[in-house]
Amino acid sequence: MTTGDGNPPHATTPPPGWTVNVVATTGSTNDDLAAAATSGAATKTVLVARHQTAGRGRLDRRWDAPPGTNLLASLLLDEPADRPGAAMRSVALAAAAASRRLAGVSVELKWPNDLLVHERKLAGLLARRVADGRVVVGIGLNVAWCPDGAARLGADIDPLDLLAALLDEWESLPPSVQALDDRYEAELGTIGRRVRVDMGNGDTLVGTATGLADGGRLVLATDDGRQRTIDAGDVVHLRGAT
């Protein structure tokens, strides 16, 4: 682990095969790591920032936290071309497992890219594909601080210890993409829930999430009797289940 933030190397080291670089501040770890990927950065490179000034979530929402409080990181991963989103799903599963291990919290996944604790947001993920086909997966996970209405793990956890646990859990994930997707679906709290889906084009769908299709797409039984397969959308869990 290398640090460019003026601090000594952290005592918790990542698993073999990973390169972790820590900086004090940057605009966006996703942007920086995507640029590094085009310059030859190796798969399993991780960039961590103690503070981000231009971090973004889905729908270009701003993601920010006080310096040093939360895990703000991006991971450069391989992803099969025929399994879009597999890299992000793997990081979501690993982050959930690491959070349970270090903090003992009950974490569930929310489609397509959030971690929840008792329906409060703990983390968000955002992925982007780079020119050579690899994927940069960014994660912002609340550790010592969270905005009103969100969840956090607790101030006694070091974000770099959480990252090391995340990488360790990632190494323990099923090797096949299908097995990974099956585990993701099993941990997805959205399944069986009534949801509202903002499609991003002005359309809104309401219905029950019944499962996942190939590639992690959400299958929705809408209230008007149709079945829709959704590639992308902003999901809100509604009260109750069918």
Protein backbone atom coordinates (compact mmCIF):
# COMPACT_ATOMS: atom_id res chain seq x y z
CA MET A 1 0.00 0.00 0.00
CA THR A 2 1.42 3.35 -1.00
CA THR A 3 0.33 6.66 0.46
CA GLY A 4 0.63 10.11 -0.97
CA ASP A 5 -1.19 11.78 1.90
CA GLY A 6 1.75 12.32 4.21
CA ASN A 7 0.84 9.36 6.44
CA PRO A 8 2.93 6.21 6.95
CA PRO A 9 1.81 2.99 5.24
CA HIS A 10 -1.21 1.49 6.98
CA ALA A 11 -0.70 -1.54 9.19
CA THR A 12 -3.47 -3.51 7.44
CA THR A 13 -2.19 -4.70 4.09
CA PRO A 14 -4.31 -5.79 1.10
CA PRO A 15 -4.33 -9.39 -0.12
CA PRO A 16 -1.58 -10.46 -2.56
CA GLY A 17 -2.09 -9.24 -6.11
CA TRP A 18 -3.66 -5.91 -5.20
CA THR A 19 -2.02 -2.50 -5.47
CA VAL A 20 -3.55 0.16 -3.23
CA ASN A 21 -2.65 3.83 -3.62
CA VAL A 22 -3.88 6.37 -1.07
CA VAL A 23 -4.06 10.12 -1.71
CA ALA A 24 -5.09 12.93 0.60
CA THR A 25 -7.53 14.57 -1.79
CA THR A 26 -8.66 14.40 -5.39
CA GLY A 27 -11.61 15.32 -7.52
CA SER A 28 -12.84 11.82 -8.31
CA THR A 29 -11.13 8.48 -7.73
CA ASN A 30 -13.13 7.03 -10.63
CA ASP A 31 -11.84 9.68 -13.02
CA ASP A 32 -8.26 9.31 -11.80
CA LEU A 33 -8.24 5.52 -11.96
CA ALA A 34 -9.87 5.50 -15.41
CA ALA A 35 -7.06 7.77 -16.62
CA ALA A 36 -4.48 5.49 -14.99
CA ALA A 37 -6.04 2.47 -16.70
CA THR A 38 -5.49 4.03 -20.13
CA SER A 39 -1.85 4.56 -19.13
CA GLY A 40 -1.32 0.91 -18.28
CA ALA A 41 -2.40 0.51 -14.65
CA ALA A 42 -2.75 -3.14 -13.71
CA THR A 43 -6.02 -4.90 -12.99
CA LYS A 44 -6.65 -4.96 -9.22
CA THR A 45 -5.28 -1.45 -8.78
CA VAL A 46 -7.18 0.52 -6.12
CA LEU A 47 -7.19 4.27 -5.58
CA VAL A 48 -8.34 5.60 -2.20
CA ALA A 49 -8.89 9.26 -1.34
CA ARG A 50 -9.18 10.61 2.17
CA HIS A 51 -11.34 13.32 0.60
CA GLN A 52 -13.06 13.82 -2.76
CA THR A 53 -14.06 17.22 -4.07
CA ALA A 54 -16.03 16.04 -7.11
CA GLY A 55 -17.25 12.56 -6.20
CA ARG A 56 -20.42 11.49 -8.01
CA GLY A 57 -23.09 8.87 -7.61
CA ARG A 58 -25.82 7.70 -9.94
CA LEU A 59 -27.65 10.33 -11.99
CA ASP A 60 -24.65 12.62 -11.44
CA ARG A 61 -25.54 13.16 -7.77
CA ARG A 62 -22.77 14.64 -5.65
CA TRP A 63 -21.10 12.31 -3.14
CA ASP A 64 -19.06 13.99 -0.42
CA ALA A 65 -17.94 13.48 3.17
CA PRO A 66 -15.65 15.23 5.66
CA PRO A 67 -11.97 14.34 5.06
CA GLY A 68 -10.81 11.02 6.49
CA THR A 69 -14.20 9.83 7.69
CA ASN A 70 -15.42 7.38 5.05
CA LEU A 71 -14.19 4.87 2.49
CA LEU A 72 -13.90 6.60 -0.89
CA ALA A 73 -12.24 4.22 -3.32
CA SER A 74 -12.17 2.93 -6.89
CA LEU A 75 -11.12 -0.53 -8.07
CA LEU A 76 -9.90 -1.48 -11.55
CA LEU A 77 -11.32 -4.90 -12.48
CA ASP A 78 -11.80 -7.22 -15.43
CA GLU A 79 -15.38 -7.89 -16.55
CA PRO A 80 -16.74 -10.32 -19.17
CA ALA A 81 -18.15 -8.40 -22.11
CA ASP A 82 -21.35 -10.46 -22.00
CA ARG A 83 -21.94 -9.82 -18.27
CA PRO A 84 -22.32 -6.07 -17.87
CA GLY A 85 -22.38 -4.98 -14.26
CA ALA A 86 -20.65 -8.11 -12.95
CA ALA A 87 -17.71 -6.12 -11.57
CA MET A 88 -19.98 -3.75 -9.68
CA ARG A 89 -22.04 -6.61 -8.30
CA SER A 90 -18.87 -8.29 -7.05
CA VAL A 91 -17.73 -5.16 -5.22
CA ALA A 92 -21.20 -4.70 -3.70
CA LEU A 93 -21.16 -8.26 -2.35
CA ALA A 94 -17.63 -7.87 -0.97
CA ALA A 95 -18.44 -4.52 0.65
CA ALA A 96 -21.56 -5.95 2.30
CA ALA A 97 -19.62 -8.94 3.66
CA ALA A 98 -16.79 -6.71 4.95
CA SER A 99 -19.28 -4.40 6.67
CA ARG A 100 -20.95 -7.33 8.38
CA ARG A 101 -17.60 -8.72 9.48
CA LEU A 102 -16.14 -5.51 10.90
CA ALA A 103 -19.26 -3.81 12.26
CA GLY A 104 -21.75 -6.62 12.80
CA VAL A 105 -24.44 -4.73 10.91
CA SER A 106 -27.28 -6.25 8.93
CA VAL A 107 -26.58 -5.17 5.34
CA GLU A 108 -28.73 -5.85 2.32
CA LEU A 109 -28.26 -4.87 -1.30
CA LYS A 110 -30.60 -2.54 -3.19
CA TRP A 111 -30.76 -2.74 -6.98
CA PRO A 112 -28.79 -1.60 -8.82
CA ASN A 113 -25.95 -0.12 -6.78
CA ASP A 114 -26.66 0.61 -3.10
CA LEU A 115 -26.01 -1.01 0.28
CA LEU A 116 -28.66 -0.51 2.96
CA VAL A 117 -28.86 -0.97 6.73
CA HIS A 118 -32.49 -1.06 7.88
CA GLU A 119 -33.49 0.72 4.66
CA ARG A 120 -30.99 3.53 5.26
CA LYS A 121 -28.24 4.03 2.70
CA LEU A 122 -24.81 2.84 3.79
CA ALA A 123 -22.99 2.91 0.46
CA GLY A 124 -23.35 3.67 -3.21
CA LEU A 125 -21.38 2.34 -6.16
CA LEU A 126 -20.74 3.69 -9.64
CA ALA A 127 -18.99 1.85 -12.49
CA ARG A 128 -17.52 2.96 -15.80
CA ARG A 129 -15.94 0.94 -18.58
CA VAL A 130 -12.58 2.07 -19.94
CA ALA A 131 -11.32 1.75 -23.50
CA ASP A 132 -9.64 -1.65 -23.07
CA GLY A 133 -12.84 -3.23 -21.71
CA ARG A 134 -11.93 -3.23 -18.05
CA VAL A 135 -14.18 -1.55 -15.50
CA VAL A 136 -13.54 1.00 -12.77
CA VAL A 137 -15.89 0.50 -9.83
CA GLY A 138 -16.13 3.37 -7.36
CA ILE A 139 -17.59 3.01 -3.89
CA GLY A 140 -18.45 5.55 -1.23
CA LEU A 141 -19.21 3.82 2.07
CA ASN A 142 -20.18 5.66 5.25
CA VAL A 143 -17.85 4.72 8.09
CA ALA A 144 -17.53 7.51 10.67
CA TRP A 145 -19.93 10.02 9.10
CA CYS A 146 -23.19 9.94 7.20
CA PRO A 147 -25.74 12.50 6.04
CA ASP A 148 -29.08 12.77 7.80
CA GLY A 149 -31.23 9.71 7.18
CA ALA A 150 -28.34 7.48 6.09
CA ALA A 151 -26.38 4.74 7.91
CA ARG A 152 -22.75 4.40 8.97
CA LEU A 153 -20.54 1.67 10.42
CA GLY A 154 -19.01 3.62 13.32
CA ALA A 155 -16.06 5.84 14.18
CA ASP A 156 -14.07 2.94 15.68
CA ILE A 157 -13.47 1.45 12.20
CA ASP A 158 -10.62 2.70 10.03
CA PRO A 159 -11.66 3.08 6.37
CA LEU A 160 -8.43 1.39 5.26
CA ASP A 161 -9.15 -1.61 7.48
CA LEU A 162 -12.57 -1.78 5.84
CA LEU A 163 -10.95 -1.68 2.40
CA ALA A 164 -8.58 -4.52 3.31
CA ALA A 165 -11.56 -6.59 4.49
CA LEU A 166 -13.45 -5.73 1.30
CA LEU A 167 -10.58 -6.96 -0.88
CA ASP A 168 -10.27 -10.10 1.22
CA GLU A 169 -13.98 -10.81 0.83
CA TRP A 170 -13.73 -10.13 -2.92
CA GLU A 171 -11.10 -12.85 -3.20
CA SER A 172 -13.54 -15.27 -1.53
CA LEU A 173 -16.38 -14.68 -3.99
CA PRO A 174 -17.56 -17.49 -6.29
CA PRO A 175 -15.23 -17.84 -9.30
CA SER A 176 -17.99 -18.19 -11.90
CA VAL A 177 -20.02 -15.17 -12.97
CA GLN A 178 -23.27 -17.16 -12.81
CA ALA A 179 -22.59 -18.21 -9.22
CA LEU A 180 -21.75 -14.60 -8.41
CA ASP A 181 -25.03 -13.41 -9.92
CA ASP A 182 -26.95 -16.07 -7.99
CA ARG A 183 -25.42 -14.87 -4.72
CA TYR A 184 -26.12 -11.24 -5.63
CA GLU A 185 -29.78 -12.05 -6.27
CA ALA A 186 -30.00 -13.96 -2.98
CA GLU A 187 -28.70 -10.92 -1.05
CA LEU A 188 -30.78 -8.39 -2.98
CA GLY A 189 -33.37 -6.87 -0.68
CA THR A 190 -35.22 -5.42 -3.67
CA ILE A 191 -36.57 -8.83 -4.72
CA GLY A 192 -40.14 -9.34 -3.50
CA ARG A 193 -40.55 -5.65 -2.72
CA ARG A 194 -42.97 -3.17 -4.16
CA VAL A 195 -40.87 -0.53 -5.83
CA ARG A 196 -41.06 2.66 -7.83
CA VAL A 197 -38.59 2.91 -10.69
CA ASP A 198 -37.64 6.24 -12.22
CA MET A 199 -36.51 5.33 -15.72
CA GLY A 200 -34.61 8.58 -16.20
CA ASN A 201 -36.62 9.63 -19.26
CA GLY A 202 -39.63 10.99 -17.42
CA ASP A 203 -41.31 7.57 -17.15
CA THR A 204 -42.03 5.97 -13.78
CA LEU A 205 -42.96 2.34 -13.18
CA VAL A 206 -44.57 0.90 -10.04
CA GLY A 207 -44.82 -2.79 -9.28
CA THR A 208 -43.18 -5.77 -7.59
CA ALA A 209 -39.57 -6.77 -8.24
CA THR A 210 -39.73 -10.50 -8.93
CA GLY A 211 -36.15 -11.40 -9.81
CA LEU A 212 -33.17 -10.77 -12.04
CA ALA A 213 -32.70 -11.53 -15.72
CA ASP A 214 -29.39 -12.15 -17.48
CA GLY A 215 -26.84 -9.45 -16.87
CA GLY A 216 -28.38 -8.43 -13.55
CA ARG A 217 -31.39 -6.70 -15.12
CA LEU A 218 -34.36 -6.21 -12.81
CA VAL A 219 -37.62 -8.03 -13.61
CA LEU A 220 -40.65 -6.00 -12.57
CA ALA A 221 -44.29 -7.09 -12.48
CA THR A 222 -45.98 -3.72 -12.94
CA ASP A 223 -49.30 -2.77 -11.41
CA ASP A 224 -50.90 -2.67 -14.86
CA GLY A 225 -50.23 -6.39 -15.39
CA ARG A 226 -47.13 -6.24 -17.55
CA GLN A 227 -43.69 -7.73 -16.98
CA ARG A 228 -40.80 -5.38 -17.64
CA THR A 229 -37.07 -6.10 -17.70
CA ILE A 230 -35.14 -3.02 -16.63
CA ASP A 231 -31.53 -2.32 -17.58
CA ALA A 232 -31.15 0.86 -15.55
CA GLY A 233 -33.27 3.01 -13.30
CA ASP A 234 -33.51 4.70 -9.93
CA VAL A 235 -35.36 2.44 -7.50
CA VAL A 236 -37.29 3.40 -4.37
CA HIS A 237 -38.43 0.63 -2.01
CA LEU A 238 -42.07 1.15 -1.13
CA ARG A 239 -43.71 -0.04 2.06
CA GLY A 240 -44.88 -3.63 2.12
CA ALA A 241 -44.36 -6.63 -0.14
CA THR A 242 -46.70 -8.83 -2.09
